[in-house]
Each structure stands twice: as structure tokens, then as C-alpha cells.
Amino acid sequence: MKIAIILGSTRPTRISPTLGTWIADALRGHGLDVEIIDLIQVDLPFLNEPEQPSLHLYRNESTKRWSEIVSQYDGFILLSAQYNWGYPGVLKNALDTLYDEWRGKPVSVVTYGGHGGFQAALALGLVLRGLRMRTLATNPQITIHDDIDRDAEGKLTDVDRMMKPYETAFANVAQEFLTLQS
């Protein structure tokens, strides 16, 4: 089973690349094939297809490329910051640009924020139901405490210490994906 972690934030001071790398390593440690998709690198225009995604009549190369990327994965982890009780628009755009490519695929929603990103997880859950994705039972919510060590640019300096309380949750995510594989 090939799993993609989609980094749902594109802010310059984002911590999602560091968290995504930690999560990928944790899942690989349980035998999963995991890759990271950074939406900055995907550089997807904002809903620029003239037809509805469910028709699969893509005209733009960016959409065709995104469809090819998403189609090669068996499951996903959506890693999202919580922004004002929601999730980043870039992630919403990435989800809404396609339709059939998401259908039936398992997904774990991993949110983070001052209170773990609960509201972002709720908002994403509605969209994932609309896309007919299968949300896993384990969807970790990572609380970012004020005392977390950061460098001058705001990047995490001790991600292992910060993520220690979540090791079991990610072992459970891995187990759920592995169970689906067999």
C-alpha cells in the first residue's frame, strides 16, 4: 500500500514539512511505503477547470498532473494546520480540483494547532464524506504548546520530543493502513 502525506499548509513559517517527515518516518518504521506531497511544489491553480471534477474532463496540464499524482496512491494522510477553526484554502483547492481520484481511498486526518486542530478536522470530515473517502478511525490531533522549541525562523528544533506523546497514535494509523492492505 502506497501512502501519501499531503502537506496542507503553504505559509512561509509552516511546520508541516518537519511534522510530515516525522510522521513519514514513523509510518515507514511500521512497514508502510510513504511519500510526502508538498502543495507548494504541486503549485495548483485555484479551481481553474471549466468542467466539474466529477466529469473527469480535465483540460489544464496542472489538473492532469495532479490527477496522475493522486491516482498513484492507495491512501492518504492529510496534514493540516488549523486556521481560524478551519483548514487552509490550498488544501481545499487540492481536494476540490479532483473527485474520482479520491473516491474509496482511506484517509487519516492529522491536524495541528494550539488545541490540536479539532475544528479543522471537523471541517475536513465533511469534505471527505462528500468525496466518498474512507476516514480511518485514528486521526491524531497534535497540540502545539507555546513551550515547543523553535529556531529564529519558527521551525521546530526538537520534533522528537514534541511528537513523543503521539507515537502510539501513529502506530495505530499504520496498523489501520496495513489492515486494509491485507
Protein backbone atom coordinates (compact mmCIF):
# COMPACT_ATOMS: atom_id res chain seq x y z
CA MET A 1 0.00 0.00 0.00
CA LYS A 2 1.44 3.33 -1.07
CA ILE A 3 0.50 6.22 1.22
CA ALA A 4 0.94 9.96 0.60
CA ILE A 5 1.15 12.59 3.29
CA ILE A 6 -0.24 15.79 1.83
CA LEU A 7 1.19 18.91 3.46
CA GLY A 8 -1.82 21.20 3.71
CA SER A 9 -0.07 24.46 4.54
CA THR A 10 1.99 26.72 2.30
CA ARG A 11 2.79 29.51 4.76
CA PRO A 12 6.46 30.52 4.82
CA THR A 13 6.72 29.76 8.57
CA ARG A 14 4.85 26.45 8.37
CA ILE A 15 5.92 23.46 10.45
CA SER A 16 4.20 20.86 8.29
CA PRO A 17 7.38 19.72 6.46
CA THR A 18 9.01 18.86 9.80
CA LEU A 19 5.87 17.15 11.11
CA GLY A 20 5.34 15.36 7.79
CA THR A 21 8.87 13.98 7.79
CA TRP A 22 8.47 12.73 11.37
CA ILE A 23 5.13 11.09 10.52
CA ALA A 24 6.53 9.51 7.34
CA ASP A 25 9.47 8.06 9.26
CA ALA A 26 7.15 6.74 11.97
CA LEU A 27 4.91 5.02 9.42
CA ARG A 28 7.86 3.62 7.48
CA GLY A 29 9.04 2.13 10.77
CA HIS A 30 5.85 0.08 10.72
CA GLY A 31 6.40 -1.15 7.17
CA LEU A 32 4.43 1.34 5.09
CA ASP A 33 5.57 2.85 1.79
CA VAL A 34 5.12 6.59 2.45
CA GLU A 35 5.85 9.69 0.39
CA ILE A 36 5.27 13.36 1.08
CA ILE A 37 3.36 15.61 -1.31
CA ASP A 38 4.08 19.29 -0.72
CA LEU A 39 1.34 21.51 -2.14
CA ILE A 40 3.91 24.27 -2.65
CA GLN A 41 5.64 22.05 -5.21
CA VAL A 42 2.36 20.96 -6.79
CA ASP A 43 1.52 24.66 -7.37
CA LEU A 44 -2.09 24.01 -8.32
CA PRO A 45 -4.06 26.98 -9.70
CA PHE A 46 -7.27 27.86 -7.90
CA LEU A 47 -10.17 25.86 -9.39
CA ASN A 48 -9.42 26.72 -12.99
CA GLU A 49 -11.12 23.80 -14.76
CA PRO A 50 -14.26 24.75 -16.73
CA GLU A 51 -15.97 21.40 -16.07
CA GLN A 52 -16.95 19.79 -12.78
CA PRO A 53 -14.24 17.45 -11.46
CA SER A 54 -16.68 14.52 -11.35
CA LEU A 55 -16.83 14.59 -15.17
CA HIS A 56 -13.08 13.96 -15.37
CA LEU A 57 -12.76 16.20 -18.45
CA TYR A 58 -9.54 17.89 -17.45
CA ARG A 59 -8.18 20.49 -19.86
CA ASN A 60 -5.37 22.03 -17.85
CA GLU A 61 -1.97 20.37 -17.57
CA SER A 62 -1.80 21.25 -13.88
CA THR A 63 -5.00 19.29 -13.21
CA LYS A 64 -3.90 16.35 -15.34
CA ARG A 65 -0.58 16.26 -13.48
CA TRP A 66 -2.37 16.47 -10.09
CA SER A 67 -4.70 13.64 -11.14
CA GLU A 68 -1.72 11.46 -12.06
CA ILE A 69 -0.02 12.20 -8.74
CA VAL A 70 -3.08 11.43 -6.62
CA SER A 71 -4.02 8.32 -8.64
CA GLN A 72 -0.75 6.56 -7.84
CA TYR A 73 -1.54 6.36 -4.10
CA ASP A 74 -3.67 3.84 -2.24
CA GLY A 75 -4.30 6.05 0.79
CA PHE A 76 -3.62 9.46 2.26
CA ILE A 77 -2.78 11.39 5.35
CA LEU A 78 -3.94 14.97 5.19
CA LEU A 79 -1.66 17.02 7.44
CA SER A 80 -3.34 20.31 8.16
CA ALA A 81 -2.88 23.29 10.39
CA GLN A 82 -6.00 24.81 11.89
CA TYR A 83 -6.65 28.30 10.55
CA ASN A 84 -9.48 30.21 12.22
CA TRP A 85 -11.36 26.99 13.06
CA GLY A 86 -10.94 25.72 9.54
CA TYR A 87 -8.18 24.42 7.30
CA PRO A 88 -6.03 26.12 4.64
CA GLY A 89 -7.62 27.08 1.33
CA VAL A 90 -4.74 25.47 -0.58
CA LEU A 91 -5.78 22.08 0.83
CA LYS A 92 -9.45 22.69 -0.02
CA ASN A 93 -8.42 23.60 -3.57
CA ALA A 94 -6.28 20.45 -3.87
CA LEU A 95 -9.21 18.30 -2.76
CA ASP A 96 -11.85 20.08 -4.85
CA THR A 97 -9.82 20.03 -8.07
CA LEU A 98 -10.37 16.26 -8.36
CA TYR A 99 -13.17 13.86 -7.50
CA ASP A 100 -12.93 10.25 -8.71
CA GLU A 101 -9.26 10.04 -7.76
CA TRP A 102 -10.21 10.32 -4.06
CA ARG A 103 -13.23 8.01 -4.08
CA GLY A 104 -13.00 5.00 -1.78
CA LYS A 105 -9.44 5.70 -0.69
CA PRO A 106 -8.62 5.55 3.01
CA VAL A 107 -7.53 8.76 4.71
CA SER A 108 -6.34 9.82 8.12
CA VAL A 109 -6.82 13.47 9.00
CA VAL A 110 -3.91 14.78 11.09
CA THR A 111 -4.43 18.29 12.34
CA TYR A 112 -2.31 20.56 14.48
CA GLY A 113 -2.71 23.81 16.33
CA GLY A 114 -2.88 25.38 19.76
CA HIS A 115 -5.68 22.99 20.67
CA GLY A 116 -4.91 20.17 18.24
CA GLY A 117 -6.94 21.38 15.29
CA PHE A 118 -10.27 19.83 16.27
CA GLN A 119 -12.32 22.34 14.25
CA ALA A 120 -10.16 21.81 11.15
CA ALA A 121 -10.69 18.05 11.49
CA LEU A 122 -14.46 18.55 11.67
CA ALA A 123 -14.48 20.75 8.57
CA LEU A 124 -12.29 18.32 6.63
CA GLY A 125 -14.51 15.42 7.64
CA LEU A 126 -17.48 16.91 5.80
CA VAL A 127 -15.47 17.36 2.61
CA LEU A 128 -14.01 13.85 2.79
CA ARG A 129 -17.50 12.38 3.13
CA GLY A 130 -18.51 14.32 0.02
CA LEU A 131 -15.52 12.89 -1.83
CA ARG A 132 -16.53 9.40 -0.68
CA MET A 133 -13.20 8.78 1.02
CA ARG A 134 -12.94 6.27 3.89
CA THR A 135 -11.76 8.08 7.00
CA LEU A 136 -9.70 5.91 9.33
CA ALA A 137 -10.67 5.58 12.99
CA THR A 138 -7.36 7.13 14.08
CA ASN A 139 -6.98 10.82 13.23
CA PRO A 140 -4.34 12.37 15.51
CA GLN A 141 -4.72 15.95 16.64
CA ILE A 142 -1.35 17.45 17.55
CA THR A 143 -1.33 20.21 20.13
CA ILE A 144 1.37 22.81 19.55
CA HIS A 145 2.28 24.14 23.00
CA ASP A 146 3.87 27.56 23.50
CA ASP A 147 6.94 25.95 25.09
CA ILE A 148 7.83 23.97 21.95
CA ASP A 149 11.42 24.68 20.90
CA ARG A 150 11.73 26.69 17.68
CA ASP A 151 14.57 28.39 15.87
CA ALA A 152 14.69 32.04 14.79
CA GLU A 153 12.61 31.22 11.67
CA GLY A 154 9.89 29.48 13.71
CA LYS A 155 10.90 25.97 12.66
CA LEU A 156 10.69 23.13 15.18
CA THR A 157 14.03 22.21 16.73
CA ASP A 158 13.05 19.13 18.78
CA VAL A 159 10.28 17.41 16.85
CA ASP A 160 11.02 14.07 18.51
CA ARG A 161 10.25 15.46 21.96
CA MET A 162 7.12 17.19 20.71
CA MET A 163 5.82 14.09 18.91
CA LYS A 164 6.65 11.56 21.64
CA PRO A 165 3.07 11.61 23.02
CA TYR A 166 1.73 10.76 19.55
CA GLU A 167 3.86 7.69 18.79
CA THR A 168 1.07 5.26 19.71
CA ALA A 169 -1.49 7.15 17.63
CA PHE A 170 0.72 6.91 14.55
CA ALA A 171 1.40 3.23 15.21
CA ASN A 172 -2.39 2.83 15.15
CA VAL A 173 -2.64 4.77 11.87
CA ALA A 174 -0.02 2.45 10.36
CA GLN A 175 -1.87 -0.62 11.63
CA GLU A 176 -5.14 0.58 10.09
CA PHE A 177 -3.49 1.10 6.71
CA LEU A 178 -1.76 -2.30 6.95
CA THR A 179 -5.04 -4.00 7.84
CA LEU A 180 -6.63 -2.53 4.73
CA GLN A 181 -3.72 -3.83 2.65
CA SER A 182 -4.22 -7.47 3.63
